[in-house]
Structure formats: C-alpha cells, structure tokens
Amino acid sequence: MRTLLLISLLLVGCRDRATKPPPSNQEGSVAPRVALTDPLALVPADSDIVLRVDIAALRRSSFFAKYEQQMLELIAPAFVECGFNPLEEITTITVGIPMASQQGIFVIRGLDRDKTLACLKSSKVESRTKVTFDGDFVTLTNKSGAVNMVTFVEPTTMVMQGSKNPTKQTLTKALQMGAPLRGNAMVASIDKQLGSGAAMSVIFVPDSKWFKQAVAAQGIAARYAYATLHVSEGLRWNVSLVMDNAQAAAAFANQVRAQLEEQADAFEKRDVRVEGATVVLDLGMSAEQLESIIAIVQMMMAGNSD
C-alpha cells in the first residue's frame, strides 16, 4: 500500500540575477524569446518534474462539468469572484518544477490576456488572493503565504512563476531561457513517447536527485518515471517506473501486484508487467470507483480546512 500511495502522491503532488526586462510588444505583452509552440518551452533545465495538463481533453470528459467549479476554486481561486472562468479557455498547462529552488514555471496556453487582467484587477482586497500590478507583471499572494508572479508573453500565453519568493527579475530571466530541456535527449524522447490525448502526463526527470531520494525513502531503487492519465467515463493510468536493473524491476513488480490484490475493489483494471528494467502499471478505475475516491478526498480537504 505504501508503494501505491507513493505513486499517487507523486502524481497528485504535482498540482500546489537581475536582468533588464525585455521590451513589450505592440499589444502590451512581454516579448517572448522562444518558440512558444514547443511543448518544453520555458521549462527550467533543472526541473525534477515536468507536468502537462490538457484542459481541452478534460473538458471532453463527463466529470468536467460536475467538478468544474471545485477545480476552479482549487486551481485558480483568484478568478472565482469575477465571473470569468479560465477553465473554459485554457488549452494546456505545462509545469516545470525544480524541487531545490521550489520556483516552478507554469506555461498556460489559450488564456485570453485581456479577460484575465480585467478579472484580476477586479479582485477584492478581502479575497483569498491579493493581487498587485507592476506594469506587465502581476503578483498573486495567497493567504497561505504562497506567492506567484504572472505575465503574458503573447495574447493567449500566460507564464507564472512561484511559489517561493518569485520576483519581476526572476520571472524576466526565466522568459529568456528558451527550451533547455529540449537538449536533454532522454526527456525529449520520453516527451515524444507520451504522445497526445492524455488529460495529464508527468515526467520525473531521469536521474533527478530529488526523485531518487524520494523513492529511496520508500525502499525503491528507481532512476526515473513517467506516466499518463486518460479521463473518459472513468480513469486510466499508465505508469512506467525505470529501476536500476531487471532484477530490481521484477522484485518491485511482484510487490506491486501483491498490493494491488489487496486493493482489488479500487480498480477495475490492474495490470503490472516488466519490460527489462522497467515496471509498467496499467490501472483503470470505473466511474463509480472514481466517485468513491473523490468523496474521500473531499472529506479530507474539508477536514484540513477547519
């Protein structure tokens, strides 16, 4: 059970030098220094986790309409009060998180700049999120203490940095980084394998010290992992965990199979196979099983908010 919890936490936990500012373009956005169509654009080179959420794919699922408001309150609380729902416009959210600096970069595509800024300007002082403007840059300070710095690099692409003390200077520097992970052959290869259509995909970057330490704390000798999540009437995960060697993979697969047998009622599909040094999990959850999990999570969140 510990192993399954670790995998779940790793997947879910990926949600919560000064430089001269680049010139603004004619439409008022900060001029980008990189081809923003590249999925890995602006993802920090030292990222331990690369996460992509396909909001457009989520909108096609039967669960989206039912839980849209709760998702909005969780993902974008600053937008709740102004009548503008960014989840209706966003196409993808790509996140790169370097765990050492805790200064993640979020590239949010499809979001209308003018509607977004108008919404943020109408934010009330007593709301959960304090909004401060400085030219093309916006600071979002949550009552929890988390801080995010936001700017638009083109009319439908917003970049956000946070949540450990981001500044106008640190975000400006980030906008000039290009797509450094494109030069990482293993990350680029995994990204290509993930393909399209998944509501969420995540890469735990090969040989990330943070990842190896995190799984080692659970007695797992793994080098990296990647996964996709598809959403339709239910959920389907495909998780690949690359171990140190084939023997370690075989032992870990047996451990996971035993744990999945203990949780048989939670999954309608639970396939575990070994491909060389890689353990592949193909897990499916029906709509009813998913509803049960959501109910448990909602109760946990309600308890933590007291």
C-alpha atoms as a PDB file:
ATOM      1  CA  MET A   1       0.000   0.000   0.000  1.00  0.00           C
ATOM      2  CA  ARG A   2       2.905   2.371   0.735  1.00  0.00           C
ATOM      3  CA  THR A   3       4.138   1.967  -2.828  1.00  0.00           C
ATOM      4  CA  LEU A   4       0.728   2.773  -4.329  1.00  0.00           C
ATOM      5  CA  LEU A   5       0.407   5.785  -2.049  1.00  0.00           C
ATOM      6  CA  LEU A   6       3.858   6.986  -3.122  1.00  0.00           C
ATOM      7  CA  ILE A   7       2.959   6.750  -6.793  1.00  0.00           C
ATOM      8  CA  SER A   8      -0.340   8.543  -6.184  1.00  0.00           C
ATOM      9  CA  LEU A   9       1.286  11.294  -4.143  1.00  0.00           C
ATOM     10  CA  LEU A  10       3.977  11.820  -6.761  1.00  0.00           C
ATOM     11  CA  LEU A  11       1.338  12.156  -9.468  1.00  0.00           C
ATOM     12  CA  VAL A  12      -1.110  14.314  -7.499  1.00  0.00           C
ATOM     13  CA  GLY A  13       1.536  16.370  -5.700  1.00  0.00           C
ATOM     14  CA  CYS A  14       2.365  17.991  -8.866  1.00  0.00           C
ATOM     15  CA  ARG A  15      -0.539  20.362  -8.897  1.00  0.00           C
ATOM     16  CA  ASP A  16       0.249  23.228  -5.141  1.00  0.00           C
ATOM     17  CA  ARG A  17      20.451  37.854 -11.058  1.00  0.00           C
ATOM     18  CA  ALA A  18      18.550  40.665 -12.074  1.00  0.00           C
ATOM     19  CA  THR A  19      18.252  41.202 -15.808  1.00  0.00           C
ATOM     20  CA  LYS A  20      16.949  44.037 -17.908  1.00  0.00           C
ATOM     21  CA  PRO A  21      13.227  43.479 -18.576  1.00  0.00           C
ATOM     22  CA  PRO A  22      12.516  42.568 -22.201  1.00  0.00           C
ATOM     23  CA  PRO A  23      10.618  45.143 -24.252  1.00  0.00           C
ATOM     24  CA  SER A  24       6.859  44.945 -24.565  1.00  0.00           C
ATOM     25  CA  ASN A  25       5.426  44.196 -27.972  1.00  0.00           C
ATOM     26  CA  GLN A  26       2.835  46.396 -29.672  1.00  0.00           C
ATOM     27  CA  GLU A  27      -0.031  44.576 -27.966  1.00  0.00           C
ATOM     28  CA  GLY A  28       1.359  45.142 -24.485  1.00  0.00           C
ATOM     29  CA  SER A  29       2.694  41.650 -23.771  1.00  0.00           C
ATOM     30  CA  VAL A  30       6.226  40.843 -22.684  1.00  0.00           C
ATOM     31  CA  ALA A  31       8.079  39.837 -25.861  1.00  0.00           C
ATOM     32  CA  PRO A  32       8.895  36.090 -25.819  1.00  0.00           C
ATOM     33  CA  ARG A  33      12.437  34.895 -26.555  1.00  0.00           C
ATOM     34  CA  VAL A  34      11.465  31.367 -27.573  1.00  0.00           C
ATOM     35  CA  ALA A  35       9.155  29.470 -29.911  1.00  0.00           C
ATOM     36  CA  LEU A  36       6.241  29.003 -27.557  1.00  0.00           C
ATOM     37  CA  THR A  37       4.728  26.215 -29.658  1.00  0.00           C
ATOM     38  CA  ASP A  38       7.461  23.904 -28.320  1.00  0.00           C
ATOM     39  CA  PRO A  39       5.799  21.864 -25.529  1.00  0.00           C
ATOM     40  CA  LEU A  40       9.013  22.115 -23.483  1.00  0.00           C
ATOM     41  CA  ALA A  41       9.373  25.876 -23.940  1.00  0.00           C
ATOM     42  CA  LEU A  42      10.296  27.733 -20.735  1.00  0.00           C
ATOM     43  CA  VAL A  43      10.593  24.545 -18.668  1.00  0.00           C
ATOM     44  CA  PRO A  44      13.631  25.012 -16.367  1.00  0.00           C
ATOM     45  CA  ALA A  45      16.678  22.910 -17.163  1.00  0.00           C
ATOM     46  CA  ASP A  46      16.969  21.807 -13.530  1.00  0.00           C
ATOM     47  CA  SER A  47      13.352  20.629 -13.306  1.00  0.00           C
ATOM     48  CA  ASP A  48      12.774  17.448 -11.343  1.00  0.00           C
ATOM     49  CA  ILE A  49       9.185  17.171 -12.546  1.00  0.00           C
ATOM     50  CA  VAL A  50       7.607  18.112 -15.873  1.00  0.00           C
ATOM     51  CA  LEU A  51       3.826  18.051 -15.753  1.00  0.00           C
ATOM     52  CA  ARG A  52       1.358  18.734 -18.557  1.00  0.00           C
ATOM     53  CA  VAL A  53      -2.388  19.069 -18.054  1.00  0.00           C
ATOM     54  CA  ASP A  54      -4.565  19.055 -21.168  1.00  0.00           C
ATOM     55  CA  ILE A  55      -7.578  21.076 -20.073  1.00  0.00           C
ATOM     56  CA  ALA A  56      -9.147  20.681 -23.510  1.00  0.00           C
ATOM     57  CA  ALA A  57      -9.077  16.890 -23.036  1.00  0.00           C
ATOM     58  CA  LEU A  58     -10.537  17.242 -19.543  1.00  0.00           C
ATOM     59  CA  ARG A  59     -13.415  19.322 -20.895  1.00  0.00           C
ATOM     60  CA  ARG A  60     -14.417  16.383 -23.094  1.00  0.00           C
ATOM     61  CA  SER A  61     -14.867  14.100 -20.072  1.00  0.00           C
ATOM     62  CA  SER A  62     -18.161  13.550 -18.291  1.00  0.00           C
ATOM     63  CA  PHE A  63     -16.601  14.597 -14.979  1.00  0.00           C
ATOM     64  CA  PHE A  64     -15.570  18.071 -16.047  1.00  0.00           C
ATOM     65  CA  ALA A  65     -18.958  19.768 -15.827  1.00  0.00           C
ATOM     66  CA  LYS A  66     -19.697  18.119 -12.490  1.00  0.00           C
ATOM     67  CA  TYR A  67     -16.464  19.208 -10.810  1.00  0.00           C
ATOM     68  CA  GLU A  68     -15.592  22.324 -12.816  1.00  0.00           C
ATOM     69  CA  GLN A  69     -16.387  24.782 -10.025  1.00  0.00           C
ATOM     70  CA  GLN A  70     -14.357  22.823  -7.492  1.00  0.00           C
ATOM     71  CA  MET A  71     -11.444  22.663  -9.927  1.00  0.00           C
ATOM     72  CA  LEU A  72     -11.650  26.414 -10.446  1.00  0.00           C
ATOM     73  CA  GLU A  73     -11.583  27.071  -6.698  1.00  0.00           C
ATOM     74  CA  LEU A  74      -8.606  24.763  -6.301  1.00  0.00           C
ATOM     75  CA  ILE A  75      -6.545  25.794  -9.328  1.00  0.00           C
ATOM     76  CA  ALA A  76      -7.463  29.470  -9.759  1.00  0.00           C
ATOM     77  CA  PRO A  77      -9.082  30.932  -6.624  1.00  0.00           C
ATOM     78  CA  ALA A  78      -8.314  34.491  -7.768  1.00  0.00           C
ATOM     79  CA  PHE A  79     -10.842  34.077 -10.597  1.00  0.00           C
ATOM     80  CA  VAL A  80     -13.783  32.777  -8.578  1.00  0.00           C
ATOM     81  CA  GLU A  81     -15.336  36.175  -7.794  1.00  0.00           C
ATOM     82  CA  CYS A  82     -15.103  37.986 -11.142  1.00  0.00           C
ATOM     83  CA  GLY A  83     -17.365  35.857 -13.325  1.00  0.00           C
ATOM     84  CA  PHE A  84     -14.572  34.775 -15.687  1.00  0.00           C
ATOM     85  CA  ASN A  85     -13.841  31.060 -15.801  1.00  0.00           C
ATOM     86  CA  PRO A  86     -10.373  30.454 -17.298  1.00  0.00           C
ATOM     87  CA  LEU A  87     -11.004  26.695 -17.438  1.00  0.00           C
ATOM     88  CA  GLU A  88     -13.321  27.333 -20.386  1.00  0.00           C
ATOM     89  CA  GLU A  89     -10.445  28.810 -22.424  1.00  0.00           C
ATOM     90  CA  ILE A  90      -7.192  27.190 -21.326  1.00  0.00           C
ATOM     91  CA  THR A  91      -5.917  24.507 -23.688  1.00  0.00           C
ATOM     92  CA  THR A  92      -2.846  23.226 -21.814  1.00  0.00           C
ATOM     93  CA  ILE A  93      -0.852  23.898 -18.667  1.00  0.00           C
ATOM     94  CA  THR A  94       2.804  22.843 -18.703  1.00  0.00           C
ATOM     95  CA  VAL A  95       4.747  22.936 -15.453  1.00  0.00           C
ATOM     96  CA  GLY A  96       8.444  22.518 -14.705  1.00  0.00           C
ATOM     97  CA  ILE A  97       9.345  22.199 -11.021  1.00  0.00           C
ATOM     98  CA  PRO A  98      12.909  22.299  -9.671  1.00  0.00           C
ATOM     99  CA  MET A  99      12.385  20.942  -6.155  1.00  0.00           C
ATOM    100  CA  ALA A 100      15.549  22.511  -4.725  1.00  0.00           C
ATOM    101  CA  SER A 101      14.533  26.092  -5.519  1.00  0.00           C
ATOM    102  CA  GLN A 102      10.763  25.448  -5.377  1.00  0.00           C
ATOM    103  CA  GLN A 103      10.489  28.043  -8.135  1.00  0.00           C
ATOM    104  CA  GLY A 104       8.251  26.335 -10.653  1.00  0.00           C
ATOM    105  CA  ILE A 105       7.347  27.690 -14.072  1.00  0.00           C
ATOM    106  CA  PHE A 106       3.760  27.327 -15.336  1.00  0.00           C
ATOM    107  CA  VAL A 107       3.102  27.915 -19.050  1.00  0.00           C
ATOM    108  CA  ILE A 108      -0.643  28.383 -19.540  1.00  0.00           C
ATOM    109  CA  ARG A 109      -1.811  28.389 -23.141  1.00  0.00           C
ATOM    110  CA  GLY A 110      -5.160  29.505 -24.564  1.00  0.00           C
ATOM    111  CA  LEU A 111      -5.971  32.010 -21.810  1.00  0.00           C
ATOM    112  CA  ASP A 112      -7.186  35.409 -23.013  1.00  0.00           C
ATOM    113  CA  ARG A 113      -4.932  38.166 -21.667  1.00  0.00           C
ATOM    114  CA  ASP A 114      -7.461  40.999 -21.614  1.00  0.00           C
ATOM    115  CA  LYS A 115     -10.170  38.979 -19.835  1.00  0.00           C
ATOM    116  CA  THR A 116      -7.642  37.646 -17.352  1.00  0.00           C
ATOM    117  CA  LEU A 117      -6.182  41.022 -16.438  1.00  0.00           C
ATOM    118  CA  ALA A 118      -9.645  42.592 -16.168  1.00  0.00           C
ATOM    119  CA  CYS A 119     -10.662  39.818 -13.792  1.00  0.00           C
ATOM    120  CA  LEU A 120      -7.557  40.193 -11.652  1.00  0.00           C
ATOM    121  CA  LYS A 121      -7.994  43.973 -11.476  1.00  0.00           C
ATOM    122  CA  SER A 122     -11.483  43.450 -10.059  1.00  0.00           C
ATOM    123  CA  SER A 123     -10.203  41.181  -7.276  1.00  0.00           C
ATOM    124  CA  LYS A 124     -11.418  42.275  -3.843  1.00  0.00           C
ATOM    125  CA  VAL A 125      -8.958  43.038  -1.060  1.00  0.00           C
ATOM    126  CA  GLU A 126     -10.633  40.567   1.299  1.00  0.00           C
ATOM    127  CA  SER A 127     -10.441  37.659  -1.174  1.00  0.00           C
ATOM    128  CA  ARG A 128      -8.172  34.641  -0.703  1.00  0.00           C
ATOM    129  CA  THR A 129      -5.646  36.057  -3.151  1.00  0.00           C
ATOM    130  CA  LYS A 130      -4.112  39.545  -3.012  1.00  0.00           C
ATOM    131  CA  VAL A 131      -3.406  40.940  -6.492  1.00  0.00           C
ATOM    132  CA  THR A 132      -0.676  43.548  -7.135  1.00  0.00           C
ATOM    133  CA  PHE A 133       0.172  45.068 -10.543  1.00  0.00           C
ATOM    134  CA  ASP A 134       3.602  46.297 -11.696  1.00  0.00           C
ATOM    135  CA  GLY A 135       3.434  47.134 -15.384  1.00  0.00           C
ATOM    136  CA  ASP A 136       3.119  43.873 -17.341  1.00  0.00           C
ATOM    137  CA  PHE A 137       3.703  41.803 -14.202  1.00  0.00           C
ATOM    138  CA  VAL A 138       1.117  40.691 -11.652  1.00  0.00           C
ATOM    139  CA  THR A 139       1.851  39.288  -8.191  1.00  0.00           C
ATOM    140  CA  LEU A 140      -0.676  36.879  -6.662  1.00  0.00           C
ATOM    141  CA  THR A 141      -0.252  36.429  -2.910  1.00  0.00           C
ATOM    142  CA  ASN A 142      -2.402  33.748  -1.320  1.00  0.00           C
ATOM    143  CA  LYS A 143      -3.405  33.949   2.334  1.00  0.00           C
ATOM    144  CA  SER A 144      -1.437  30.730   2.833  1.00  0.00           C
ATOM    145  CA  GLY A 145       1.734  32.696   2.051  1.00  0.00           C
ATOM    146  CA  ALA A 146       2.292  31.244  -1.424  1.00  0.00           C
ATOM    147  CA  VAL A 147       3.349  33.865  -3.976  1.00  0.00           C
ATOM    148  CA  ASN A 148       3.086  33.639  -7.774  1.00  0.00           C
ATOM    149  CA  MET A 149       4.364  36.129 -10.346  1.00  0.00           C
ATOM    150  CA  VAL A 150       2.456  36.306 -13.636  1.00  0.00           C
ATOM    151  CA  THR A 151       2.915  37.902 -17.035  1.00  0.00           C
ATOM    152  CA  PHE A 152       1.694  37.340 -20.601  1.00  0.00           C
ATOM    153  CA  VAL A 153       4.234  36.674 -23.344  1.00  0.00           C
ATOM    154  CA  GLU A 154       1.586  36.848 -26.060  1.00  0.00           C
ATOM    155  CA  PRO A 155      -2.186  37.471 -26.067  1.00  0.00           C
ATOM    156  CA  THR A 156      -3.068  33.849 -25.214  1.00  0.00           C
ATOM    157  CA  THR A 157       0.015  32.587 -23.353  1.00  0.00           C
ATOM    158  CA  MET A 158       0.493  33.331 -19.673  1.00  0.00           C
ATOM    159  CA  VAL A 159       3.630  32.401 -17.738  1.00  0.00           C
ATOM    160  CA  MET A 160       3.603  32.102 -13.970  1.00  0.00           C
ATOM    161  CA  GLN A 161       6.492  31.566 -11.566  1.00  0.00           C
ATOM    162  CA  GLY A 162       6.181  30.526  -7.934  1.00  0.00           C
ATOM    163  CA  SER A 163       5.751  29.898  -5.191  1.00  0.00           C
ATOM    164  CA  LYS A 164       8.939  30.660  -3.209  1.00  0.00           C
ATOM    165  CA  ASN A 165       9.643  34.386  -3.427  1.00  0.00           C
ATOM    166  CA  PRO A 166       9.424  34.956  -7.198  1.00  0.00           C
ATOM    167  CA  THR A 167      10.206  38.471  -8.367  1.00  0.00           C
ATOM    168  CA  LYS A 168       9.858  40.501 -11.525  1.00  0.00           C
ATOM    169  CA  GLN A 169      13.558  39.910 -12.141  1.00  0.00           C
ATOM    170  CA  THR A 170      13.448  36.130 -11.657  1.00  0.00           C
ATOM    171  CA  LEU A 171      10.458  35.774 -13.983  1.00  0.00           C
ATOM    172  CA  THR A 172      12.043  38.060 -16.579  1.00  0.00           C
ATOM    173  CA  LYS A 173      15.145  35.864 -16.554  1.00  0.00           C
ATOM    174  CA  ALA A 174      13.003  32.747 -16.895  1.00  0.00           C
ATOM    175  CA  LEU A 175      11.351  34.159 -20.012  1.00  0.00           C
ATOM    176  CA  GLN A 176      14.753  34.225 -21.722  1.00  0.00           C
ATOM    177  CA  MET A 177      15.688  30.599 -21.043  1.00  0.00           C
ATOM    178  CA  GLY A 178      14.335  29.120 -24.286  1.00  0.00           C
ATOM    179  CA  ALA A 179      13.604  25.374 -24.156  1.00  0.00           C
ATOM    180  CA  PRO A 180      16.647  23.952 -22.340  1.00  0.00           C
ATOM    181  CA  LEU A 181      15.107  20.541 -21.709  1.00  0.00           C
ATOM    182  CA  ARG A 182      14.805  20.065 -25.465  1.00  0.00           C
ATOM    183  CA  GLY A 183      18.562  19.414 -25.318  1.00  0.00           C
ATOM    184  CA  ASN A 184      18.067  16.622 -22.779  1.00  0.00           C
ATOM    185  CA  ALA A 185      17.808  13.625 -25.104  1.00  0.00           C
ATOM    186  CA  MET A 186      16.097  11.376 -22.550  1.00  0.00           C
ATOM    187  CA  VAL A 187      13.451  13.942 -21.591  1.00  0.00           C
ATOM    188  CA  ALA A 188      12.787  14.762 -25.254  1.00  0.00           C
ATOM    189  CA  SER A 189      12.440  11.051 -26.050  1.00  0.00           C
ATOM    190  CA  ILE A 190      10.017  10.432 -23.161  1.00  0.00           C
ATOM    191  CA  ASP A 191       8.003  13.519 -24.078  1.00  0.00           C
ATOM    192  CA  LYS A 192       7.644  12.178 -27.611  1.00  0.00           C
ATOM    193  CA  GLN A 193       6.554   8.750 -26.320  1.00  0.00           C
ATOM    194  CA  LEU A 194       3.803  10.271 -24.206  1.00  0.00           C
ATOM    195  CA  GLY A 195       2.091  11.489 -27.354  1.00  0.00           C
ATOM    196  CA  SER A 196      -1.229  13.311 -27.147  1.00  0.00           C
ATOM    197  CA  GLY A 197      -4.731  12.671 -25.864  1.00  0.00           C
ATOM    198  CA  ALA A 198      -3.917  12.236 -22.180  1.00  0.00           C
ATOM    199  CA  ALA A 199      -5.614  14.574 -19.742  1.00  0.00           C
ATOM    200  CA  MET A 200      -2.375  14.643 -17.785  1.00  0.00           C
ATOM    201  CA  SER A 201       1.175  13.488 -18.320  1.00  0.00           C
ATOM    202  CA  VAL A 202       4.140  13.684 -15.984  1.00  0.00           C
ATOM    203  CA  ILE A 203       7.857  13.029 -16.304  1.00  0.00           C
ATOM    204  CA  PHE A 204      10.043  12.550 -13.249  1.00  0.00           C
ATOM    205  CA  VAL A 205      13.243  13.641 -14.937  1.00  0.00           C
ATOM    206  CA  PRO A 206      15.853  10.898 -15.442  1.00  0.00           C
ATOM    207  CA  ASP A 207      18.418  10.713 -12.630  1.00  0.00           C
ATOM    208  CA  SER A 208      16.842  13.592 -10.702  1.00  0.00           C
ATOM    209  CA  LYS A 209      18.453  13.520  -7.251  1.00  0.00           C
ATOM    210  CA  TRP A 210      15.181  14.592  -5.649  1.00  0.00           C
ATOM    211  CA  PHE A 211      13.217  11.756  -7.275  1.00  0.00           C
ATOM    212  CA  LYS A 212      15.781   9.095  -6.447  1.00  0.00           C
ATOM    213  CA  GLN A 213      15.889  10.222  -2.814  1.00  0.00           C
ATOM    214  CA  ALA A 214      12.087  10.383  -2.598  1.00  0.00           C
ATOM    215  CA  VAL A 215      11.598   6.815  -3.802  1.00  0.00           C
ATOM    216  CA  ALA A 216      14.655   5.536  -1.910  1.00  0.00           C
ATOM    217  CA  ALA A 217      12.982   6.709   1.292  1.00  0.00           C
ATOM    218  CA  GLN A 218      10.276   4.135   0.463  1.00  0.00           C
ATOM    219  CA  GLY A 219      12.813   1.404  -0.252  1.00  0.00           C
ATOM    220  CA  ILE A 220      12.549   1.716  -4.035  1.00  0.00           C
ATOM    221  CA  ALA A 221      15.660   1.905  -6.237  1.00  0.00           C
ATOM    222  CA  ALA A 222      14.315   3.743  -9.282  1.00  0.00           C
ATOM    223  CA  ARG A 223      16.049   6.124 -11.679  1.00  0.00           C
ATOM    224  CA  TYR A 224      13.014   7.896 -13.131  1.00  0.00           C
ATOM    225  CA  ALA A 225       9.360   7.515 -14.033  1.00  0.00           C
ATOM    226  CA  TYR A 226       6.749   8.822 -16.435  1.00  0.00           C
ATOM    227  CA  ALA A 227       3.003   8.451 -16.616  1.00  0.00           C
ATOM    228  CA  THR A 228      -0.167   9.424 -18.418  1.00  0.00           C
ATOM    229  CA  LEU A 229      -3.710   9.794 -17.164  1.00  0.00           C
ATOM    230  CA  HIS A 230      -6.682   9.449 -19.513  1.00  0.00           C
ATOM    231  CA  VAL A 231     -10.139  10.554 -18.453  1.00  0.00           C
ATOM    232  CA  SER A 232     -13.396   9.428 -20.059  1.00  0.00           C
ATOM    233  CA  GLU A 233     -16.179   7.763 -18.086  1.00  0.00           C
ATOM    234  CA  GLY A 234     -13.513   6.645 -15.629  1.00  0.00           C
ATOM    235  CA  LEU A 235      -9.756   6.969 -15.278  1.00  0.00           C
ATOM    236  CA  ARG A 236      -6.851   5.068 -16.736  1.00  0.00           C
ATOM    237  CA  TRP A 237      -3.247   5.433 -15.592  1.00  0.00           C
ATOM    238  CA  ASN A 238      -0.211   4.151 -17.440  1.00  0.00           C
ATOM    239  CA  VAL A 239       2.876   4.422 -15.239  1.00  0.00           C
ATOM    240  CA  SER A 240       6.415   3.404 -16.205  1.00  0.00           C
ATOM    241  CA  LEU A 241       8.997   3.176 -13.419  1.00  0.00           C
ATOM    242  CA  VAL A 242      12.593   2.629 -14.564  1.00  0.00           C
ATOM    243  CA  MET A 243      14.546   0.664 -11.975  1.00  0.00           C
ATOM    244  CA  ASP A 244      18.282   0.178 -11.547  1.00  0.00           C
ATOM    245  CA  ASN A 245      18.218  -3.271 -13.170  1.00  0.00           C
ATOM    246  CA  ALA A 246      15.927  -6.060 -14.348  1.00  0.00           C
ATOM    247  CA  GLN A 247      16.170  -7.959 -11.049  1.00  0.00           C
ATOM    248  CA  ALA A 248      15.023  -4.909  -9.099  1.00  0.00           C
ATOM    249  CA  ALA A 249      12.194  -4.414 -11.596  1.00  0.00           C
ATOM    250  CA  ALA A 250      10.965  -7.990 -11.211  1.00  0.00           C
ATOM    251  CA  ALA A 251      11.021  -7.759  -7.416  1.00  0.00           C
ATOM    252  CA  PHE A 252       9.203  -4.445  -7.385  1.00  0.00           C
ATOM    253  CA  ALA A 253       6.569  -5.701  -9.839  1.00  0.00           C
ATOM    254  CA  ASN A 254       5.794  -8.631  -7.536  1.00  0.00           C
ATOM    255  CA  GLN A 255       5.459  -6.243  -4.610  1.00  0.00           C
ATOM    256  CA  VAL A 256       3.042  -4.005  -6.536  1.00  0.00           C
ATOM    257  CA  ARG A 257       0.958  -6.980  -7.728  1.00  0.00           C
ATOM    258  CA  ALA A 258       0.507  -8.120  -4.132  1.00  0.00           C
ATOM    259  CA  GLN A 259      -0.546  -4.645  -3.028  1.00  0.00           C
ATOM    260  CA  LEU A 260      -2.981  -4.298  -5.913  1.00  0.00           C
ATOM    261  CA  GLU A 261      -4.601  -7.598  -4.951  1.00  0.00           C
ATOM    262  CA  GLU A 262      -5.241  -6.117  -1.514  1.00  0.00           C
ATOM    263  CA  GLN A 263      -6.899  -3.117  -3.198  1.00  0.00           C
ATOM    264  CA  ALA A 264      -8.853  -5.106  -5.778  1.00  0.00           C
ATOM    265  CA  ASP A 265     -12.088  -3.200  -5.172  1.00  0.00           C
ATOM    266  CA  ALA A 266     -10.427   0.137  -6.004  1.00  0.00           C
ATOM    267  CA  PHE A 267      -9.517  -0.724  -9.608  1.00  0.00           C
ATOM    268  CA  GLU A 268     -11.361  -2.411 -12.445  1.00  0.00           C
ATOM    269  CA  LYS A 269      -8.076  -2.897 -14.325  1.00  0.00           C
ATOM    270  CA  ARG A 270      -4.749  -3.639 -12.653  1.00  0.00           C
ATOM    271  CA  ASP A 271      -2.078  -4.933 -14.984  1.00  0.00           C
ATOM    272  CA  VAL A 272       1.597  -4.997 -13.971  1.00  0.00           C
ATOM    273  CA  ARG A 273       4.313  -6.129 -16.344  1.00  0.00           C
ATOM    274  CA  VAL A 274       8.094  -5.961 -16.579  1.00  0.00           C
ATOM    275  CA  GLU A 275       9.932  -4.783 -19.677  1.00  0.00           C
ATOM    276  CA  GLY A 276      13.649  -5.150 -18.999  1.00  0.00           C
ATOM    277  CA  ALA A 277      14.410  -2.795 -16.099  1.00  0.00           C
ATOM    278  CA  THR A 278      11.047  -1.013 -16.412  1.00  0.00           C
ATOM    279  CA  VAL A 279       7.921  -1.781 -14.430  1.00  0.00           C
ATOM    280  CA  VAL A 280       4.758  -0.784 -16.301  1.00  0.00           C
ATOM    281  CA  LEU A 281       1.480  -0.318 -14.455  1.00  0.00           C
ATOM    282  CA  ASP A 282      -1.772  -0.137 -16.410  1.00  0.00           C
ATOM    283  CA  LEU A 283      -4.507   0.798 -13.957  1.00  0.00           C
ATOM    284  CA  GLY A 284      -8.159   1.514 -14.640  1.00  0.00           C
ATOM    285  CA  MET A 285     -10.872   2.920 -12.401  1.00  0.00           C
ATOM    286  CA  SER A 286     -14.573   2.937 -13.213  1.00  0.00           C
ATOM    287  CA  ALA A 287     -16.802   5.986 -12.800  1.00  0.00           C
ATOM    288  CA  GLU A 288     -18.235   4.525  -9.580  1.00  0.00           C
ATOM    289  CA  GLN A 289     -14.793   3.798  -8.154  1.00  0.00           C
ATOM    290  CA  LEU A 290     -13.638   7.287  -9.057  1.00  0.00           C
ATOM    291  CA  GLU A 291     -16.655   8.855  -7.368  1.00  0.00           C
ATOM    292  CA  SER A 292     -15.764   6.988  -4.179  1.00  0.00           C
ATOM    293  CA  ILE A 293     -12.194   8.298  -4.253  1.00  0.00           C
ATOM    294  CA  ILE A 294     -13.384  11.859  -4.917  1.00  0.00           C
ATOM    295  CA  ALA A 295     -15.756  11.659  -1.954  1.00  0.00           C
ATOM    296  CA  ILE A 296     -12.900  10.575   0.313  1.00  0.00           C
ATOM    297  CA  VAL A 297     -10.634  13.384  -0.962  1.00  0.00           C
ATOM    298  CA  GLN A 298     -13.395  15.952  -0.450  1.00  0.00           C
ATOM    299  CA  MET A 299     -13.863  14.825   3.157  1.00  0.00           C
ATOM    300  CA  MET A 300     -10.102  15.037   3.761  1.00  0.00           C
ATOM    301  CA  MET A 301      -9.928  18.539   2.275  1.00  0.00           C
ATOM    302  CA  ALA A 302     -12.922  19.667   4.297  1.00  0.00           C
ATOM    303  CA  GLY A 303     -11.254  18.382   7.460  1.00  0.00           C
ATOM    304  CA  ASN A 304      -7.993  20.188   6.668  1.00  0.00           C
ATOM    305  CA  SER A 305      -9.810  23.484   6.108  1.00  0.00           C
ATOM    306  CA  ASP A 306     -11.215  23.576   9.646  1.00  0.00           C
END
